[in-house]
């Protein structure tokens, strides 16, 4: 991944660039989505693709209308950063949506049929069990 970021800089220097294949391209898109995360404990990006066309993007963070996690919107994440909760503990108290779930919900909100065979979910982190089940359920 970093090699492509470095190569993008090289375009402006010597016009040399190795074009990424489709999987690399969509993983780069997921990496870019990750930059929008507002979670203070982990940043994850996800992209749903069908036939080499991006259908939806997601990143982890608090739902719309709730204060961003890094602004104190999720008490569980705040406590985690203060060392008062161990990693993986009290996840049921976390308000942040996962990137994969956000991408899937984005499809639903826009009326995109992501559940048709052939859709691929690209993500920058191993999905949790719930997100894995959701992805399997929609196909």
N, C-alpha and C. Protein backbone atom coordinates (compact mmCIF):
# COMPACT_ATOMS: atom_id res chain seq x y z
N UNK A 1 0.82 -1.19 0.00
CA UNK A 1 0.00 0.00 0.00
C UNK A 1 0.87 1.25 0.00
N UNK A 2 1.86 1.27 0.88
CA UNK A 2 2.73 2.44 0.95
C UNK A 2 3.50 2.67 -0.34
N UNK A 3 3.77 1.57 -1.08
CA UNK A 3 4.50 1.73 -2.33
C UNK A 3 3.71 2.58 -3.32
N UNK A 4 2.38 2.45 -3.30
CA UNK A 4 1.57 3.24 -4.22
C UNK A 4 1.50 4.70 -3.78
N UNK A 5 1.45 4.92 -2.49
CA UNK A 5 1.45 6.30 -1.99
C UNK A 5 2.77 6.97 -2.37
N UNK A 6 3.88 6.23 -2.22
CA UNK A 6 5.18 6.77 -2.62
C UNK A 6 5.22 7.02 -4.12
N UNK A 7 4.62 6.10 -4.90
CA UNK A 7 4.62 6.25 -6.36
C UNK A 7 3.80 7.45 -6.81
N UNK A 8 2.73 7.74 -6.09
CA UNK A 8 1.92 8.91 -6.44
C UNK A 8 2.79 10.16 -6.35
N UNK A 9 3.62 10.23 -5.32
CA UNK A 9 4.55 11.35 -5.21
C UNK A 9 5.56 11.36 -6.35
N UNK A 10 5.96 10.18 -6.82
CA UNK A 10 6.93 10.09 -7.91
C UNK A 10 6.35 10.57 -9.24
N UNK A 11 5.05 10.51 -9.41
CA UNK A 11 4.43 10.98 -10.65
C UNK A 11 4.84 12.42 -10.92
N UNK A 12 4.86 13.21 -9.88
CA UNK A 12 5.17 14.63 -10.04
C UNK A 12 6.67 14.88 -10.25
N UNK A 13 7.49 13.89 -9.90
CA UNK A 13 8.94 14.05 -10.02
C UNK A 13 9.45 13.56 -11.37
N UNK A 14 9.11 12.30 -11.72
CA UNK A 14 9.67 11.74 -12.96
C UNK A 14 8.63 11.05 -13.85
N UNK A 15 7.37 11.25 -13.59
CA UNK A 15 6.29 10.70 -14.41
C UNK A 15 6.27 9.17 -14.44
N UNK A 16 6.87 8.50 -13.44
CA UNK A 16 6.91 7.05 -13.38
C UNK A 16 5.86 6.55 -12.39
N UNK A 17 5.05 5.58 -12.84
CA UNK A 17 4.00 5.07 -11.96
C UNK A 17 3.60 3.68 -12.40
N UNK A 18 3.47 2.76 -11.44
CA UNK A 18 2.99 1.41 -11.73
C UNK A 18 1.51 1.36 -11.37
N UNK A 19 0.69 1.12 -12.34
CA UNK A 19 -0.76 1.12 -12.14
C UNK A 19 -1.16 -0.06 -11.25
N UNK A 20 -1.96 0.20 -10.19
CA UNK A 20 -2.39 -0.90 -9.32
C UNK A 20 -3.42 -1.78 -10.02
N UNK A 21 -3.45 -3.07 -9.65
CA UNK A 21 -4.51 -3.93 -10.17
C UNK A 21 -5.81 -3.57 -9.44
N UNK A 22 -6.92 -4.18 -9.82
CA UNK A 22 -8.22 -3.80 -9.24
C UNK A 22 -8.26 -4.02 -7.73
N UNK A 23 -7.75 -5.16 -7.25
CA UNK A 23 -7.77 -5.41 -5.80
C UNK A 23 -6.96 -4.36 -5.06
N UNK A 24 -5.80 -4.03 -5.57
CA UNK A 24 -4.97 -3.01 -4.94
C UNK A 24 -5.66 -1.65 -4.98
N UNK A 25 -6.30 -1.36 -6.09
CA UNK A 25 -7.01 -0.08 -6.24
C UNK A 25 -8.11 0.06 -5.19
N UNK A 26 -8.92 -0.99 -5.03
CA UNK A 26 -10.03 -0.90 -4.07
C UNK A 26 -9.54 -0.94 -2.63
N UNK A 27 -8.41 -1.61 -2.37
CA UNK A 27 -7.82 -1.55 -1.03
C UNK A 27 -7.31 -0.13 -0.74
N UNK A 28 -6.78 0.53 -1.75
CA UNK A 28 -6.37 1.93 -1.58
C UNK A 28 -7.59 2.80 -1.27
N UNK A 29 -8.72 2.51 -1.92
CA UNK A 29 -9.95 3.26 -1.65
C UNK A 29 -10.39 3.04 -0.19
N UNK A 30 -10.27 1.80 0.29
CA UNK A 30 -10.61 1.51 1.69
C UNK A 30 -9.66 2.24 2.63
N UNK A 31 -8.38 2.30 2.26
CA UNK A 31 -7.40 3.04 3.07
C UNK A 31 -7.76 4.52 3.12
N UNK A 32 -8.20 5.07 2.00
CA UNK A 32 -8.63 6.47 1.97
C UNK A 32 -9.87 6.68 2.84
N UNK A 33 -10.82 5.75 2.77
CA UNK A 33 -12.04 5.85 3.60
C UNK A 33 -11.67 5.85 5.08
N UNK A 34 -10.67 5.06 5.43
CA UNK A 34 -10.22 4.96 6.82
C UNK A 34 -9.82 6.32 7.38
N UNK A 35 -9.33 7.19 6.52
CA UNK A 35 -8.91 8.52 6.96
C UNK A 35 -10.08 9.36 7.47
N UNK A 36 -11.32 9.00 7.12
CA UNK A 36 -12.51 9.72 7.56
C UNK A 36 -13.02 9.23 8.92
N UNK A 37 -12.45 8.15 9.44
CA UNK A 37 -12.90 7.60 10.71
C UNK A 37 -12.85 8.66 11.80
N UNK A 38 -13.87 8.65 12.67
CA UNK A 38 -13.83 9.56 13.81
C UNK A 38 -13.69 8.80 15.13
N UNK A 39 -13.32 7.52 15.06
CA UNK A 39 -13.10 6.72 16.26
C UNK A 39 -11.69 6.95 16.78
N UNK A 40 -11.55 7.13 18.08
CA UNK A 40 -10.23 7.40 18.65
C UNK A 40 -9.45 6.13 18.96
N UNK A 41 -10.10 4.97 18.96
CA UNK A 41 -9.38 3.75 19.31
C UNK A 41 -8.90 2.96 18.11
N UNK A 42 -9.60 3.06 16.98
CA UNK A 42 -9.20 2.30 15.79
C UNK A 42 -9.80 2.97 14.57
N UNK A 43 -9.04 2.99 13.48
CA UNK A 43 -9.53 3.56 12.23
C UNK A 43 -9.60 2.45 11.19
N UNK A 44 -10.80 2.27 10.62
CA UNK A 44 -11.04 1.20 9.65
C UNK A 44 -11.82 1.79 8.49
N UNK A 45 -11.50 1.32 7.29
CA UNK A 45 -12.24 1.72 6.09
C UNK A 45 -12.74 0.48 5.37
N UNK A 46 -13.84 0.63 4.63
CA UNK A 46 -14.41 -0.48 3.88
C UNK A 46 -15.01 0.03 2.58
N UNK A 47 -14.96 -0.82 1.56
CA UNK A 47 -15.52 -0.49 0.26
C UNK A 47 -16.25 -1.72 -0.26
N UNK A 48 -17.45 -1.54 -0.81
CA UNK A 48 -18.20 -2.62 -1.44
C UNK A 48 -18.13 -2.39 -2.95
N UNK A 49 -17.76 -3.46 -3.67
CA UNK A 49 -17.51 -3.37 -5.10
C UNK A 49 -18.24 -4.50 -5.83
N UNK A 50 -18.75 -4.20 -7.01
CA UNK A 50 -19.30 -5.24 -7.88
C UNK A 50 -18.88 -4.92 -9.31
N UNK A 51 -18.34 -5.92 -9.99
CA UNK A 51 -17.88 -5.77 -11.37
C UNK A 51 -16.94 -4.57 -11.54
N UNK A 52 -16.00 -4.47 -10.63
CA UNK A 52 -14.99 -3.40 -10.63
C UNK A 52 -15.59 -2.00 -10.55
N UNK A 53 -16.75 -1.88 -9.94
CA UNK A 53 -17.39 -0.59 -9.71
C UNK A 53 -17.68 -0.46 -8.22
N UNK A 54 -17.26 0.66 -7.66
CA UNK A 54 -17.45 0.91 -6.23
C UNK A 54 -18.91 1.28 -5.97
N UNK A 55 -19.57 0.51 -5.10
CA UNK A 55 -20.97 0.75 -4.77
C UNK A 55 -21.13 1.62 -3.54
N UNK A 56 -20.29 1.38 -2.53
CA UNK A 56 -20.43 2.11 -1.27
C UNK A 56 -19.11 2.10 -0.52
N UNK A 57 -18.99 3.08 0.35
CA UNK A 57 -17.80 3.25 1.18
C UNK A 57 -18.26 3.41 2.62
N UNK A 58 -17.46 2.93 3.55
CA UNK A 58 -17.78 3.11 4.96
C UNK A 58 -16.51 3.27 5.78
N UNK A 59 -16.67 3.91 6.90
CA UNK A 59 -15.58 4.02 7.88
C UNK A 59 -16.20 3.96 9.25
N UNK A 60 -15.40 3.62 10.26
CA UNK A 60 -15.98 3.46 11.59
C UNK A 60 -16.06 4.80 12.32
N UNK A 61 -17.08 4.90 13.13
CA UNK A 61 -17.28 6.09 13.93
C UNK A 61 -18.72 6.17 14.42
N UNK A 62 -19.00 7.23 15.13
CA UNK A 62 -20.34 7.41 15.69
C UNK A 62 -21.37 7.65 14.58
N UNK A 63 -22.62 7.29 14.84
CA UNK A 63 -23.68 7.51 13.84
C UNK A 63 -23.91 9.01 13.60
N UNK A 64 -24.49 9.35 12.44
CA UNK A 64 -24.81 10.75 12.16
C UNK A 64 -25.68 11.34 13.27
N UNK A 65 -25.41 12.58 13.63
CA UNK A 65 -26.19 13.25 14.66
C UNK A 65 -25.64 13.08 16.07
N UNK A 66 -24.66 12.20 16.23
CA UNK A 66 -24.02 12.00 17.53
C UNK A 66 -22.62 12.62 17.45
N UNK A 67 -22.22 13.27 18.53
CA UNK A 67 -20.90 13.90 18.58
C UNK A 67 -19.83 12.89 18.17
N UNK A 68 -18.85 13.33 17.39
CA UNK A 68 -17.76 12.46 16.96
C UNK A 68 -17.08 11.81 18.15
N UNK A 69 -16.61 10.60 17.94
CA UNK A 69 -15.93 9.85 18.99
C UNK A 69 -14.75 10.65 19.55
N UNK A 70 -13.95 11.25 18.67
CA UNK A 70 -12.78 12.00 19.15
C UNK A 70 -13.15 13.31 19.82
N UNK A 71 -14.43 13.67 19.80
CA UNK A 71 -14.92 14.83 20.53
C UNK A 71 -15.67 14.41 21.80
N UNK A 72 -15.57 13.13 22.16
CA UNK A 72 -16.22 12.63 23.37
C UNK A 72 -17.57 11.99 23.15
N UNK A 73 -17.93 11.71 21.90
CA UNK A 73 -19.24 11.13 21.59
C UNK A 73 -19.43 9.71 22.09
N UNK A 74 -18.35 8.95 22.23
CA UNK A 74 -18.45 7.57 22.70
C UNK A 74 -17.69 7.44 24.02
N UNK A 75 -18.44 7.30 25.09
CA UNK A 75 -17.85 7.21 26.43
C UNK A 75 -16.94 5.98 26.56
N UNK A 76 -17.34 4.87 25.94
CA UNK A 76 -16.55 3.65 26.02
C UNK A 76 -15.16 3.87 25.42
N UNK A 77 -15.10 4.51 24.27
CA UNK A 77 -13.80 4.77 23.63
C UNK A 77 -12.96 5.73 24.48
N UNK A 78 -13.62 6.71 25.10
CA UNK A 78 -12.90 7.64 25.98
C UNK A 78 -12.26 6.88 27.13
N UNK A 79 -13.04 5.99 27.75
CA UNK A 79 -12.52 5.21 28.87
C UNK A 79 -11.39 4.29 28.42
N UNK A 80 -11.50 3.76 27.22
CA UNK A 80 -10.44 2.90 26.66
C UNK A 80 -9.15 3.70 26.50
N UNK A 81 -9.25 4.91 26.00
CA UNK A 81 -8.06 5.74 25.79
C UNK A 81 -7.44 6.19 27.12
N UNK A 82 -8.26 6.30 28.14
CA UNK A 82 -7.77 6.67 29.47
C UNK A 82 -7.19 5.47 30.22
N UNK A 83 -7.27 4.28 29.62
CA UNK A 83 -6.74 3.07 30.25
C UNK A 83 -7.65 2.47 31.30
N UNK A 84 -8.90 2.91 31.35
CA UNK A 84 -9.84 2.41 32.36
C UNK A 84 -10.59 1.17 31.89
N UNK A 85 -10.51 0.87 30.59
CA UNK A 85 -11.12 -0.32 30.01
C UNK A 85 -10.07 -0.98 29.13
N UNK A 86 -9.97 -2.31 29.21
CA UNK A 86 -9.01 -3.03 28.38
C UNK A 86 -9.53 -3.16 26.96
N UNK A 87 -8.60 -3.35 26.03
CA UNK A 87 -8.96 -3.56 24.63
C UNK A 87 -9.88 -4.78 24.53
N UNK A 88 -10.98 -4.63 23.82
CA UNK A 88 -11.94 -5.72 23.64
C UNK A 88 -13.00 -5.81 24.71
N UNK A 89 -12.87 -5.06 25.79
CA UNK A 89 -13.84 -5.11 26.89
C UNK A 89 -14.96 -4.09 26.67
N UNK A 90 -16.13 -4.40 27.16
CA UNK A 90 -17.29 -3.50 27.14
C UNK A 90 -17.66 -3.01 25.74
N UNK A 91 -17.46 -3.85 24.74
CA UNK A 91 -17.77 -3.45 23.37
C UNK A 91 -19.26 -3.16 23.17
N UNK A 92 -20.09 -3.75 24.02
CA UNK A 92 -21.53 -3.50 23.92
C UNK A 92 -21.89 -2.06 24.31
N UNK A 93 -20.95 -1.34 24.90
CA UNK A 93 -21.19 0.06 25.29
C UNK A 93 -20.65 1.05 24.26
N UNK A 94 -20.00 0.54 23.21
CA UNK A 94 -19.41 1.40 22.18
C UNK A 94 -20.49 1.90 21.23
N UNK A 95 -20.52 3.20 20.97
CA UNK A 95 -21.50 3.79 20.06
C UNK A 95 -21.05 3.78 18.61
N UNK A 96 -19.79 3.51 18.36
CA UNK A 96 -19.25 3.60 17.00
C UNK A 96 -19.74 2.44 16.12
N UNK A 97 -20.20 2.80 14.92
CA UNK A 97 -20.53 1.79 13.91
C UNK A 97 -19.24 1.32 13.25
N UNK A 98 -19.23 0.07 12.82
CA UNK A 98 -18.06 -0.46 12.13
C UNK A 98 -18.09 -0.04 10.66
N UNK A 99 -16.92 0.05 10.06
CA UNK A 99 -16.79 0.47 8.66
C UNK A 99 -17.59 -0.43 7.72
N UNK A 100 -17.52 -1.74 7.96
CA UNK A 100 -18.22 -2.69 7.10
C UNK A 100 -19.73 -2.49 7.20
N UNK A 101 -20.22 -2.31 8.43
CA UNK A 101 -21.65 -2.08 8.64
C UNK A 101 -22.07 -0.77 7.99
N UNK A 102 -21.24 0.26 8.10
CA UNK A 102 -21.57 1.55 7.47
C UNK A 102 -21.65 1.42 5.96
N UNK A 103 -20.74 0.67 5.35
CA UNK A 103 -20.78 0.48 3.89
C UNK A 103 -22.05 -0.27 3.49
N UNK A 104 -22.41 -1.30 4.24
CA UNK A 104 -23.62 -2.07 3.95
C UNK A 104 -24.86 -1.20 4.14
N UNK A 105 -24.91 -0.41 5.22
CA UNK A 105 -26.05 0.49 5.45
C UNK A 105 -26.13 1.56 4.37
N UNK A 106 -24.97 2.02 3.90
CA UNK A 106 -24.94 3.01 2.83
C UNK A 106 -25.63 2.46 1.59
N UNK A 107 -25.38 1.19 1.27
CA UNK A 107 -26.07 0.55 0.14
C UNK A 107 -27.58 0.56 0.36
N UNK A 108 -28.00 0.21 1.56
CA UNK A 108 -29.43 0.16 1.86
C UNK A 108 -30.06 1.55 1.76
N UNK A 109 -29.39 2.55 2.30
CA UNK A 109 -29.91 3.92 2.26
C UNK A 109 -30.07 4.41 0.83
N UNK A 110 -29.11 4.07 -0.02
CA UNK A 110 -29.14 4.52 -1.42
C UNK A 110 -29.94 3.60 -2.33
N UNK A 111 -30.45 2.50 -1.78
CA UNK A 111 -31.23 1.57 -2.58
C UNK A 111 -30.38 0.73 -3.52
N UNK A 112 -29.11 0.56 -3.19
CA UNK A 112 -28.19 -0.23 -4.01
C UNK A 112 -28.30 -1.68 -3.58
N UNK A 113 -28.46 -2.57 -4.53
CA UNK A 113 -28.57 -3.99 -4.23
C UNK A 113 -27.19 -4.61 -4.13
N UNK A 114 -26.59 -4.50 -2.96
CA UNK A 114 -25.24 -5.05 -2.76
C UNK A 114 -25.27 -6.56 -2.57
N UNK A 115 -26.45 -7.10 -2.29
CA UNK A 115 -26.55 -8.52 -1.98
C UNK A 115 -26.53 -9.44 -3.18
N UNK A 116 -26.42 -8.89 -4.38
CA UNK A 116 -26.36 -9.73 -5.57
C UNK A 116 -25.00 -10.40 -5.63
N UNK A 117 -24.99 -11.68 -6.04
CA UNK A 117 -23.73 -12.43 -6.11
C UNK A 117 -22.68 -11.65 -6.89
N UNK A 118 -21.47 -11.73 -6.41
CA UNK A 118 -20.37 -11.06 -7.09
C UNK A 118 -19.89 -9.80 -6.41
N UNK A 119 -20.60 -9.32 -5.40
CA UNK A 119 -20.14 -8.13 -4.67
C UNK A 119 -18.98 -8.54 -3.76
N UNK A 120 -18.01 -7.65 -3.64
CA UNK A 120 -16.83 -7.90 -2.81
C UNK A 120 -16.72 -6.79 -1.77
N UNK A 121 -16.43 -7.19 -0.54
CA UNK A 121 -16.20 -6.23 0.54
C UNK A 121 -14.70 -6.14 0.79
N UNK A 122 -14.13 -4.97 0.57
CA UNK A 122 -12.72 -4.71 0.87
C UNK A 122 -12.69 -3.96 2.20
N UNK A 123 -11.84 -4.40 3.12
CA UNK A 123 -11.75 -3.74 4.41
C UNK A 123 -10.30 -3.71 4.90
N UNK A 124 -9.98 -2.70 5.68
CA UNK A 124 -8.61 -2.52 6.13
C UNK A 124 -8.30 -3.27 7.43
N UNK A 125 -9.29 -3.95 7.97
CA UNK A 125 -9.09 -4.70 9.21
C UNK A 125 -9.99 -5.93 9.16
N UNK A 126 -9.63 -6.97 9.87
CA UNK A 126 -10.44 -8.18 9.89
C UNK A 126 -11.81 -7.85 10.49
N UNK A 127 -12.91 -8.14 9.76
CA UNK A 127 -14.24 -7.83 10.29
C UNK A 127 -14.56 -8.64 11.55
N UNK A 128 -15.33 -8.03 12.44
CA UNK A 128 -15.79 -8.73 13.64
C UNK A 128 -16.81 -9.79 13.21
N UNK A 129 -17.23 -10.61 14.15
CA UNK A 129 -18.19 -11.67 13.85
C UNK A 129 -19.50 -11.10 13.33
N UNK A 130 -20.02 -10.03 13.95
CA UNK A 130 -21.29 -9.45 13.51
C UNK A 130 -21.21 -8.90 12.09
N UNK A 131 -20.13 -8.20 11.76
CA UNK A 131 -19.97 -7.66 10.41
C UNK A 131 -19.77 -8.79 9.40
N UNK A 132 -19.08 -9.85 9.80
CA UNK A 132 -18.90 -11.01 8.93
C UNK A 132 -20.25 -11.64 8.63
N UNK A 133 -21.08 -11.82 9.66
CA UNK A 133 -22.42 -12.40 9.45
C UNK A 133 -23.27 -11.51 8.56
N UNK A 134 -23.16 -10.19 8.75
CA UNK A 134 -23.92 -9.25 7.93
C UNK A 134 -23.50 -9.35 6.47
N UNK A 135 -22.20 -9.42 6.22
CA UNK A 135 -21.69 -9.52 4.85
C UNK A 135 -22.12 -10.83 4.20
N UNK A 136 -22.08 -11.92 4.96
CA UNK A 136 -22.53 -13.21 4.44
C UNK A 136 -24.02 -13.17 4.13
N UNK A 137 -24.79 -12.54 5.00
CA UNK A 137 -26.24 -12.47 4.83
C UNK A 137 -26.63 -11.74 3.55
N UNK A 138 -25.94 -10.63 3.25
CA UNK A 138 -26.31 -9.88 2.04
C UNK A 138 -25.71 -10.48 0.78
N UNK A 139 -24.82 -11.44 0.93
CA UNK A 139 -24.29 -12.13 -0.24
C UNK A 139 -22.93 -11.68 -0.59
